[in-house]
Amino acid sequence: NVKKISGGLRNESTIIGGVVFTKNVAHKDMKTKIDNPKVLLLQCPIAYQRVEGKFVTIESLILQEKEYLRNVTSRILSLAPDVVLVHKNVSGIAQDLLRTHGITLVLDVKLSVFERLQRCLRCDIVTSIDSNIGRPKLGICKRFYTKTFTDANAASKTLMFFDIPYSQRGCS
């Protein structure tokens, strides 16, 4: 995979073993540098699905939503990941719960990036957090970090790196 940043010199180009893509963490308080992280890939959203056409008080609906999201985040926490990448959306309550437990969250990751991460990190893509089908294999890399570049037009671009030195499964 090739990532381009406008400007710079040819000798500033580098080859990174692993995966690099354009993305940033979900919240500024989340870690942007982690050595030897465990990575969880979630293809499903982390959100409460409300039932349409059913009359419920707003208080009980909010309590149901909070309880459901606590259960889902506790399942994620039981896997002990350091970084969670989600293909879809994550509710604000779940984001706050994960952040308070020190987990870095990345939202709206493309499926093509998921497939590259799965191949390079040798991990599973979890399609549903509700199912209790075994324990998914988490990915591990040497170093996870983000880096923001600024081009000549003062436009910034943040790249996310999953560094695997001497990777035989892909490079960027």
N, C-alpha and C. Protein backbone atom coordinates (compact mmCIF):
# COMPACT_ATOMS: atom_id res chain seq x y z
N ASN A 1 0.85 -1.18 0.00
CA ASN A 1 0.00 0.00 0.00
C ASN A 1 0.90 1.24 0.00
N VAL A 2 0.49 2.27 -0.73
CA VAL A 2 1.25 3.51 -0.81
C VAL A 2 0.40 4.64 -0.25
N LYS A 3 0.95 5.38 0.72
CA LYS A 3 0.30 6.58 1.26
C LYS A 3 1.11 7.77 0.79
N LYS A 4 0.43 8.77 0.24
CA LYS A 4 1.11 9.95 -0.27
C LYS A 4 0.75 11.17 0.56
N ILE A 5 1.77 12.00 0.78
CA ILE A 5 1.57 13.29 1.43
C ILE A 5 2.22 14.31 0.52
N SER A 6 1.46 15.32 0.13
CA SER A 6 2.01 16.30 -0.81
C SER A 6 3.15 17.09 -0.17
N GLY A 7 4.11 17.45 -0.99
CA GLY A 7 5.28 18.18 -0.51
C GLY A 7 6.38 17.23 -0.10
N GLY A 8 7.44 17.76 0.45
CA GLY A 8 8.53 16.92 0.94
C GLY A 8 9.50 16.54 -0.17
N LEU A 9 10.52 15.84 0.22
CA LEU A 9 11.55 15.40 -0.70
C LEU A 9 11.49 13.89 -0.88
N ARG A 10 12.04 13.41 -1.99
CA ARG A 10 12.01 11.99 -2.29
C ARG A 10 12.73 11.18 -1.21
N ASN A 11 13.84 11.71 -0.68
CA ASN A 11 14.58 10.95 0.33
C ASN A 11 13.87 10.90 1.69
N GLU A 12 12.76 11.61 1.84
CA GLU A 12 11.96 11.54 3.07
C GLU A 12 10.97 10.37 3.03
N SER A 13 10.87 9.69 1.89
CA SER A 13 9.99 8.53 1.77
C SER A 13 10.57 7.35 2.54
N THR A 14 9.70 6.59 3.19
CA THR A 14 10.15 5.43 3.95
C THR A 14 9.23 4.25 3.70
N ILE A 15 9.75 3.08 3.95
CA ILE A 15 8.95 1.86 3.89
C ILE A 15 8.69 1.41 5.32
N ILE A 16 7.42 1.22 5.64
CA ILE A 16 7.01 0.79 6.97
C ILE A 16 6.46 -0.62 6.85
N GLY A 17 7.02 -1.56 7.59
CA GLY A 17 6.45 -2.90 7.65
C GLY A 17 5.17 -2.85 8.43
N GLY A 18 4.09 -3.33 7.85
CA GLY A 18 2.80 -3.28 8.52
C GLY A 18 1.80 -2.46 7.73
N VAL A 19 0.92 -1.76 8.43
CA VAL A 19 -0.19 -1.05 7.80
C VAL A 19 -0.17 0.42 8.21
N VAL A 20 -0.37 1.29 7.22
CA VAL A 20 -0.49 2.74 7.45
C VAL A 20 -1.75 3.20 6.74
N PHE A 21 -2.57 3.99 7.39
CA PHE A 21 -3.77 4.54 6.76
C PHE A 21 -4.12 5.88 7.39
N THR A 22 -4.97 6.64 6.70
CA THR A 22 -5.37 7.96 7.15
C THR A 22 -6.51 7.83 8.15
N LYS A 23 -6.23 8.16 9.41
CA LYS A 23 -7.24 8.09 10.46
C LYS A 23 -6.64 8.66 11.73
N ASN A 24 -7.50 9.03 12.68
CA ASN A 24 -7.05 9.51 13.98
C ASN A 24 -7.87 8.81 15.06
N VAL A 25 -7.45 8.91 16.30
CA VAL A 25 -8.18 8.30 17.40
C VAL A 25 -9.49 9.05 17.63
N ALA A 26 -10.43 8.40 18.31
CA ALA A 26 -11.77 8.96 18.48
C ALA A 26 -11.80 10.15 19.43
N HIS A 27 -10.88 10.21 20.39
CA HIS A 27 -10.90 11.27 21.39
C HIS A 27 -9.49 11.71 21.70
N LYS A 28 -9.29 12.98 21.92
CA LYS A 28 -7.95 13.53 22.15
C LYS A 28 -7.29 12.99 23.41
N ASP A 29 -8.06 12.48 24.37
CA ASP A 29 -7.49 11.93 25.60
C ASP A 29 -7.00 10.48 25.45
N MET A 30 -7.26 9.88 24.29
CA MET A 30 -6.85 8.49 24.08
C MET A 30 -5.38 8.43 23.66
N LYS A 31 -4.73 7.34 24.01
CA LYS A 31 -3.31 7.17 23.69
C LYS A 31 -3.10 7.12 22.18
N THR A 32 -2.03 7.77 21.73
CA THR A 32 -1.69 7.75 20.30
C THR A 32 -0.37 7.03 20.06
N LYS A 33 0.28 6.53 21.11
CA LYS A 33 1.50 5.73 20.98
C LYS A 33 1.44 4.59 21.99
N ILE A 34 1.52 3.35 21.47
CA ILE A 34 1.49 2.18 22.34
C ILE A 34 2.48 1.16 21.80
N ASP A 35 3.35 0.66 22.66
CA ASP A 35 4.27 -0.40 22.27
C ASP A 35 3.62 -1.75 22.52
N ASN A 36 3.79 -2.68 21.58
CA ASN A 36 3.25 -4.04 21.65
C ASN A 36 1.75 -4.07 21.99
N PRO A 37 0.92 -3.33 21.24
CA PRO A 37 -0.51 -3.30 21.56
C PRO A 37 -1.23 -4.56 21.09
N LYS A 38 -2.31 -4.88 21.80
CA LYS A 38 -3.24 -5.93 21.35
C LYS A 38 -4.39 -5.20 20.64
N VAL A 39 -4.71 -5.65 19.42
CA VAL A 39 -5.65 -4.94 18.56
C VAL A 39 -6.89 -5.79 18.30
N LEU A 40 -8.07 -5.19 18.51
CA LEU A 40 -9.35 -5.84 18.25
C LEU A 40 -10.01 -5.16 17.06
N LEU A 41 -10.43 -5.95 16.07
CA LEU A 41 -11.13 -5.42 14.89
C LEU A 41 -12.61 -5.77 15.01
N LEU A 42 -13.47 -4.75 15.11
CA LEU A 42 -14.92 -4.95 15.23
C LEU A 42 -15.63 -4.45 13.98
N GLN A 43 -16.30 -5.34 13.29
CA GLN A 43 -17.03 -4.94 12.10
C GLN A 43 -18.45 -4.48 12.42
N CYS A 44 -18.89 -4.68 13.65
CA CYS A 44 -20.25 -4.31 14.05
C CYS A 44 -20.24 -2.99 14.83
N PRO A 45 -21.37 -2.28 14.84
CA PRO A 45 -21.43 -1.05 15.64
C PRO A 45 -21.54 -1.38 17.13
N ILE A 46 -21.17 -0.41 17.95
CA ILE A 46 -21.37 -0.54 19.40
C ILE A 46 -22.42 0.51 19.74
N ALA A 47 -23.67 0.11 19.60
CA ALA A 47 -24.78 1.04 19.83
C ALA A 47 -26.02 0.24 20.23
N TYR A 48 -26.90 0.88 20.95
CA TYR A 48 -28.15 0.26 21.38
C TYR A 48 -29.17 0.38 20.27
N GLN A 49 -29.79 -0.75 19.90
CA GLN A 49 -30.81 -0.74 18.85
C GLN A 49 -32.19 -0.59 19.50
N ARG A 50 -32.80 0.57 19.29
CA ARG A 50 -34.12 0.81 19.88
C ARG A 50 -35.20 0.09 19.07
N VAL A 51 -36.23 -0.36 19.77
CA VAL A 51 -37.35 -1.04 19.12
C VAL A 51 -38.37 0.00 18.71
N GLU A 52 -38.68 0.05 17.42
CA GLU A 52 -39.66 1.02 16.91
C GLU A 52 -41.08 0.54 17.19
N GLY A 53 -42.00 1.46 17.38
CA GLY A 53 -43.41 1.14 17.55
C GLY A 53 -43.78 0.64 18.93
N LYS A 54 -42.87 0.75 19.87
CA LYS A 54 -43.14 0.30 21.22
C LYS A 54 -43.09 1.51 22.15
N PHE A 55 -44.14 1.71 22.94
CA PHE A 55 -44.18 2.85 23.84
C PHE A 55 -43.45 2.52 25.14
N VAL A 56 -42.43 3.32 25.43
CA VAL A 56 -41.62 3.13 26.62
C VAL A 56 -41.29 4.52 27.15
N THR A 57 -41.17 4.63 28.46
CA THR A 57 -40.79 5.93 29.02
C THR A 57 -39.33 6.21 28.67
N ILE A 58 -39.00 7.48 28.56
CA ILE A 58 -37.65 7.87 28.18
C ILE A 58 -36.63 7.44 29.25
N GLU A 59 -37.04 7.47 30.53
CA GLU A 59 -36.13 7.07 31.60
C GLU A 59 -35.76 5.60 31.49
N SER A 60 -36.76 4.74 31.24
CA SER A 60 -36.46 3.30 31.13
C SER A 60 -35.65 3.01 29.87
N LEU A 61 -35.89 3.76 28.81
CA LEU A 61 -35.12 3.58 27.58
C LEU A 61 -33.65 3.94 27.80
N ILE A 62 -33.41 5.03 28.51
CA ILE A 62 -32.03 5.45 28.80
C ILE A 62 -31.34 4.43 29.70
N LEU A 63 -32.06 3.90 30.70
CA LEU A 63 -31.49 2.87 31.58
C LEU A 63 -31.17 1.60 30.80
N GLN A 64 -32.07 1.19 29.90
CA GLN A 64 -31.81 0.00 29.07
C GLN A 64 -30.59 0.20 28.19
N GLU A 65 -30.48 1.39 27.59
CA GLU A 65 -29.35 1.68 26.72
C GLU A 65 -28.03 1.64 27.50
N LYS A 66 -28.00 2.29 28.67
CA LYS A 66 -26.78 2.30 29.48
C LYS A 66 -26.38 0.89 29.92
N GLU A 67 -27.36 0.10 30.33
CA GLU A 67 -27.08 -1.28 30.77
C GLU A 67 -26.56 -2.13 29.61
N TYR A 68 -27.19 -2.01 28.46
CA TYR A 68 -26.74 -2.76 27.27
C TYR A 68 -25.30 -2.38 26.91
N LEU A 69 -25.01 -1.09 26.89
CA LEU A 69 -23.66 -0.64 26.51
C LEU A 69 -22.62 -1.03 27.57
N ARG A 70 -23.00 -1.05 28.85
CA ARG A 70 -22.09 -1.54 29.88
C ARG A 70 -21.74 -3.01 29.65
N ASN A 71 -22.76 -3.80 29.29
CA ASN A 71 -22.53 -5.23 29.03
C ASN A 71 -21.62 -5.43 27.82
N VAL A 72 -21.87 -4.68 26.76
CA VAL A 72 -21.05 -4.81 25.55
C VAL A 72 -19.61 -4.40 25.82
N THR A 73 -19.43 -3.27 26.51
CA THR A 73 -18.06 -2.82 26.79
C THR A 73 -17.36 -3.78 27.77
N SER A 74 -18.09 -4.41 28.66
CA SER A 74 -17.45 -5.38 29.56
C SER A 74 -17.00 -6.61 28.77
N ARG A 75 -17.73 -7.00 27.73
CA ARG A 75 -17.28 -8.09 26.86
C ARG A 75 -16.00 -7.70 26.14
N ILE A 76 -15.94 -6.44 25.67
CA ILE A 76 -14.73 -5.96 24.99
C ILE A 76 -13.57 -5.93 25.99
N LEU A 77 -13.82 -5.43 27.20
CA LEU A 77 -12.78 -5.35 28.22
C LEU A 77 -12.27 -6.73 28.62
N SER A 78 -13.14 -7.73 28.57
CA SER A 78 -12.71 -9.09 28.94
C SER A 78 -11.68 -9.63 27.95
N LEU A 79 -11.65 -9.10 26.73
CA LEU A 79 -10.66 -9.52 25.74
C LEU A 79 -9.32 -8.81 25.95
N ALA A 80 -9.30 -7.75 26.75
CA ALA A 80 -8.11 -6.97 27.11
C ALA A 80 -7.36 -6.39 25.91
N PRO A 81 -8.07 -5.70 24.99
CA PRO A 81 -7.35 -5.04 23.89
C PRO A 81 -6.79 -3.69 24.34
N ASP A 82 -5.79 -3.22 23.62
CA ASP A 82 -5.26 -1.87 23.85
C ASP A 82 -5.85 -0.90 22.84
N VAL A 83 -6.11 -1.40 21.61
CA VAL A 83 -6.66 -0.59 20.53
C VAL A 83 -7.86 -1.33 19.95
N VAL A 84 -8.99 -0.63 19.78
CA VAL A 84 -10.18 -1.20 19.17
C VAL A 84 -10.50 -0.38 17.93
N LEU A 85 -10.55 -1.06 16.77
CA LEU A 85 -10.94 -0.41 15.52
C LEU A 85 -12.34 -0.88 15.17
N VAL A 86 -13.22 0.06 14.84
CA VAL A 86 -14.61 -0.26 14.55
C VAL A 86 -14.94 0.21 13.14
N HIS A 87 -15.58 -0.68 12.37
CA HIS A 87 -15.97 -0.34 11.00
C HIS A 87 -17.12 0.66 11.00
N LYS A 88 -18.00 0.57 11.96
CA LYS A 88 -19.19 1.43 11.99
C LYS A 88 -19.09 2.42 13.14
N ASN A 89 -20.25 2.82 13.66
CA ASN A 89 -20.28 3.85 14.70
C ASN A 89 -20.24 3.25 16.10
N VAL A 90 -19.92 4.11 17.06
CA VAL A 90 -19.88 3.74 18.48
C VAL A 90 -20.61 4.84 19.24
N SER A 91 -21.54 4.46 20.09
CA SER A 91 -22.30 5.46 20.85
C SER A 91 -21.37 6.22 21.80
N GLY A 92 -21.78 7.41 22.15
CA GLY A 92 -20.98 8.25 23.04
C GLY A 92 -20.76 7.63 24.40
N ILE A 93 -21.77 6.93 24.91
CA ILE A 93 -21.64 6.27 26.22
C ILE A 93 -20.56 5.20 26.17
N ALA A 94 -20.57 4.39 25.12
CA ALA A 94 -19.57 3.34 24.97
C ALA A 94 -18.17 3.93 24.77
N GLN A 95 -18.08 5.02 24.02
CA GLN A 95 -16.78 5.68 23.83
C GLN A 95 -16.21 6.14 25.17
N ASP A 96 -17.06 6.72 26.01
CA ASP A 96 -16.61 7.20 27.33
C ASP A 96 -16.17 6.03 28.22
N LEU A 97 -16.93 4.92 28.18
CA LEU A 97 -16.57 3.76 29.00
C LEU A 97 -15.23 3.18 28.57
N LEU A 98 -15.00 3.08 27.27
CA LEU A 98 -13.73 2.55 26.77
C LEU A 98 -12.58 3.49 27.10
N ARG A 99 -12.83 4.78 26.96
CA ARG A 99 -11.78 5.79 27.25
C ARG A 99 -11.37 5.75 28.72
N THR A 100 -12.34 5.60 29.62
CA THR A 100 -12.01 5.56 31.04
C THR A 100 -11.19 4.32 31.41
N HIS A 101 -11.28 3.27 30.60
CA HIS A 101 -10.49 2.06 30.84
C HIS A 101 -9.18 2.07 30.06
N GLY A 102 -8.83 3.20 29.43
CA GLY A 102 -7.54 3.34 28.76
C GLY A 102 -7.44 2.68 27.41
N ILE A 103 -8.58 2.41 26.78
CA ILE A 103 -8.57 1.77 25.46
C ILE A 103 -8.65 2.85 24.39
N THR A 104 -7.79 2.73 23.39
CA THR A 104 -7.80 3.65 22.26
C THR A 104 -8.80 3.14 21.25
N LEU A 105 -9.67 4.04 20.78
CA LEU A 105 -10.75 3.69 19.87
C LEU A 105 -10.57 4.42 18.54
N VAL A 106 -10.77 3.68 17.44
CA VAL A 106 -10.69 4.26 16.10
C VAL A 106 -12.00 3.94 15.41
N LEU A 107 -12.69 4.98 14.90
CA LEU A 107 -14.02 4.83 14.33
C LEU A 107 -14.01 4.86 12.81
N ASP A 108 -15.06 4.28 12.20
CA ASP A 108 -15.33 4.34 10.76
C ASP A 108 -14.14 3.91 9.91
N VAL A 109 -13.57 2.77 10.23
CA VAL A 109 -12.44 2.24 9.46
C VAL A 109 -12.98 1.47 8.26
N LYS A 110 -12.40 1.70 7.10
CA LYS A 110 -12.86 1.05 5.87
C LYS A 110 -12.61 -0.46 5.93
N LEU A 111 -13.46 -1.22 5.22
CA LEU A 111 -13.31 -2.67 5.18
C LEU A 111 -12.00 -3.08 4.52
N SER A 112 -11.55 -2.34 3.52
CA SER A 112 -10.28 -2.67 2.86
C SER A 112 -9.11 -2.55 3.85
N VAL A 113 -9.17 -1.57 4.76
CA VAL A 113 -8.14 -1.41 5.79
C VAL A 113 -8.25 -2.56 6.79
N PHE A 114 -9.48 -2.96 7.13
CA PHE A 114 -9.69 -4.09 8.03
C PHE A 114 -9.03 -5.34 7.48
N GLU A 115 -9.21 -5.58 6.18
CA GLU A 115 -8.64 -6.78 5.56
C GLU A 115 -7.11 -6.75 5.58
N ARG A 116 -6.52 -5.57 5.33
CA ARG A 116 -5.06 -5.45 5.41
C ARG A 116 -4.56 -5.67 6.84
N LEU A 117 -5.28 -5.09 7.81
CA LEU A 117 -4.91 -5.28 9.21
C LEU A 117 -5.03 -6.75 9.62
N GLN A 118 -6.10 -7.39 9.18
CA GLN A 118 -6.30 -8.81 9.50
C GLN A 118 -5.15 -9.66 8.96
N ARG A 119 -4.75 -9.38 7.73
CA ARG A 119 -3.65 -10.14 7.12
C ARG A 119 -2.32 -9.88 7.82
N CYS A 120 -1.99 -8.61 8.05
CA CYS A 120 -0.69 -8.26 8.64
C CYS A 120 -0.59 -8.60 10.12
N LEU A 121 -1.67 -8.38 10.87
CA LEU A 121 -1.64 -8.63 12.32
C LEU A 121 -2.02 -10.07 12.68
N ARG A 122 -2.47 -10.83 11.67
CA ARG A 122 -2.88 -12.23 11.86
C ARG A 122 -3.93 -12.35 12.95
N CYS A 123 -5.02 -11.60 12.78
CA CYS A 123 -6.08 -11.60 13.79
C CYS A 123 -7.44 -11.83 13.14
N ASP A 124 -8.46 -11.94 13.97
CA ASP A 124 -9.83 -12.15 13.51
C ASP A 124 -10.57 -10.82 13.41
N ILE A 125 -11.52 -10.76 12.47
CA ILE A 125 -12.47 -9.64 12.41
C ILE A 125 -13.74 -10.11 13.09
N VAL A 126 -14.14 -9.43 14.15
CA VAL A 126 -15.32 -9.81 14.93
C VAL A 126 -16.54 -9.17 14.28
N THR A 127 -17.50 -10.00 13.86
CA THR A 127 -18.68 -9.48 13.17
C THR A 127 -19.83 -9.16 14.12
N SER A 128 -19.81 -9.73 15.32
CA SER A 128 -20.85 -9.43 16.31
C SER A 128 -20.28 -9.58 17.71
N ILE A 129 -20.43 -8.56 18.50
CA ILE A 129 -19.95 -8.61 19.88
C ILE A 129 -20.98 -9.29 20.78
N ASP A 130 -22.22 -9.44 20.30
CA ASP A 130 -23.27 -10.07 21.09
C ASP A 130 -23.12 -11.59 21.16
N SER A 131 -22.56 -12.18 20.11
CA SER A 131 -22.45 -13.64 20.08
C SER A 131 -21.32 -14.12 20.98
N ASN A 132 -21.52 -15.27 21.56
CA ASN A 132 -20.50 -15.85 22.45
C ASN A 132 -19.79 -17.01 21.74
N ILE A 133 -19.38 -16.80 20.53
CA ILE A 133 -18.75 -17.86 19.75
C ILE A 133 -17.24 -17.79 19.97
N GLY A 134 -16.77 -18.46 20.97
CA GLY A 134 -15.33 -18.53 21.22
C GLY A 134 -14.70 -17.19 21.57
N ARG A 135 -13.39 -17.19 21.56
CA ARG A 135 -12.61 -16.01 21.88
C ARG A 135 -11.84 -15.60 20.63
N PRO A 136 -12.09 -14.40 20.10
CA PRO A 136 -11.41 -14.00 18.86
C PRO A 136 -9.92 -13.79 19.10
N LYS A 137 -9.15 -14.01 18.04
CA LYS A 137 -7.71 -13.80 18.12
C LYS A 137 -7.42 -12.32 17.91
N LEU A 138 -6.72 -11.71 18.86
CA LEU A 138 -6.35 -10.29 18.76
C LEU A 138 -5.04 -10.17 17.99
N GLY A 139 -4.91 -9.05 17.28
CA GLY A 139 -3.68 -8.79 16.56
C GLY A 139 -2.64 -8.15 17.47
N ILE A 140 -1.38 -8.37 17.13
CA ILE A 140 -0.28 -7.77 17.88
C ILE A 140 0.73 -7.21 16.89
N CYS A 141 1.19 -6.00 17.17
CA CYS A 141 2.25 -5.41 16.36
C CYS A 141 3.32 -4.86 17.29
N LYS A 142 4.43 -4.43 16.72
CA LYS A 142 5.54 -3.92 17.53
C LYS A 142 5.19 -2.56 18.14
N ARG A 143 4.55 -1.70 17.31
CA ARG A 143 4.27 -0.35 17.78
C ARG A 143 3.07 0.22 17.05
N PHE A 144 2.19 0.89 17.79
CA PHE A 144 1.05 1.62 17.24
C PHE A 144 1.29 3.09 17.54
N TYR A 145 1.12 3.94 16.51
CA TYR A 145 1.24 5.39 16.75
C TYR A 145 0.56 6.16 15.63
N THR A 146 0.28 7.43 15.91
CA THR A 146 -0.25 8.34 14.89
C THR A 146 0.75 9.47 14.71
N LYS A 147 0.73 10.02 13.51
CA LYS A 147 1.63 11.13 13.21
C LYS A 147 0.90 12.08 12.27
N THR A 148 0.95 13.37 12.59
CA THR A 148 0.28 14.38 11.78
C THR A 148 1.32 15.11 10.93
N PHE A 149 1.04 15.18 9.63
CA PHE A 149 1.91 15.87 8.68
C PHE A 149 1.21 17.12 8.18
N THR A 150 1.98 18.18 7.93
CA THR A 150 1.44 19.41 7.38
C THR A 150 2.13 19.69 6.06
N ASP A 151 1.33 19.94 5.00
CA ASP A 151 1.93 20.19 3.69
C ASP A 151 2.18 21.69 3.49
N ALA A 152 2.62 22.05 2.29
CA ALA A 152 2.99 23.44 1.99
C ALA A 152 1.78 24.38 2.08
N ASN A 153 0.58 23.86 1.91
CA ASN A 153 -0.64 24.68 1.96
C ASN A 153 -1.21 24.75 3.38
N ALA A 154 -0.48 24.31 4.37
CA ALA A 154 -0.88 24.30 5.78
C ALA A 154 -2.05 23.35 6.05
N ALA A 155 -2.29 22.40 5.15
CA ALA A 155 -3.30 21.37 5.38
C ALA A 155 -2.64 20.22 6.13
N SER A 156 -3.34 19.70 7.13
CA SER A 156 -2.75 18.61 7.91
C SER A 156 -3.41 17.28 7.56
N LYS A 157 -2.63 16.21 7.71
CA LYS A 157 -3.10 14.86 7.43
C LYS A 157 -2.53 13.96 8.52
N THR A 158 -3.41 13.24 9.19
CA THR A 158 -2.98 12.35 10.27
C THR A 158 -2.97 10.91 9.76
N LEU A 159 -1.83 10.26 9.92
CA LEU A 159 -1.68 8.87 9.52
C LEU A 159 -1.57 8.00 10.77
N MET A 160 -2.15 6.81 10.69
CA MET A 160 -2.10 5.85 11.78
C MET A 160 -1.20 4.70 11.34
N PHE A 161 -0.24 4.33 12.20
CA PHE A 161 0.75 3.32 11.88
C PHE A 161 0.58 2.09 12.78
N PHE A 162 0.58 0.92 12.18
CA PHE A 162 0.68 -0.35 12.88
C PHE A 162 1.99 -0.96 12.39
N ASP A 163 3.05 -0.74 13.13
CA ASP A 163 4.41 -1.05 12.70
C ASP A 163 4.78 -2.49 13.07
N ILE A 164 5.15 -3.27 12.04
CA ILE A 164 5.62 -4.63 12.21
C ILE A 164 6.94 -4.74 11.46
N PRO A 165 8.06 -4.52 12.13
CA PRO A 165 9.34 -4.57 11.42
C PRO A 165 9.55 -5.92 10.73
N TYR A 166 10.10 -5.89 9.55
CA TYR A 166 10.41 -7.08 8.75
C TYR A 166 9.18 -7.92 8.47
N SER A 167 8.04 -7.26 8.25
CA SER A 167 6.80 -7.97 7.98
C SER A 167 6.86 -8.67 6.63
N GLN A 168 6.46 -9.93 6.62
CA GLN A 168 6.39 -10.70 5.37
C GLN A 168 4.98 -10.64 4.78
N ARG A 169 4.06 -9.98 5.47
CA ARG A 169 2.66 -9.96 5.05
C ARG A 169 2.19 -8.64 4.49
N GLY A 170 3.07 -7.65 4.41
CA GLY A 170 2.68 -6.38 3.81
C GLY A 170 3.48 -5.21 4.36
N CYS A 171 3.51 -4.16 3.56
CA CYS A 171 4.21 -2.94 3.98
C CYS A 171 3.52 -1.74 3.34
N SER A 172 3.86 -0.57 3.84
CA SER A 172 3.29 0.67 3.32
C SER A 172 4.43 1.63 3.04
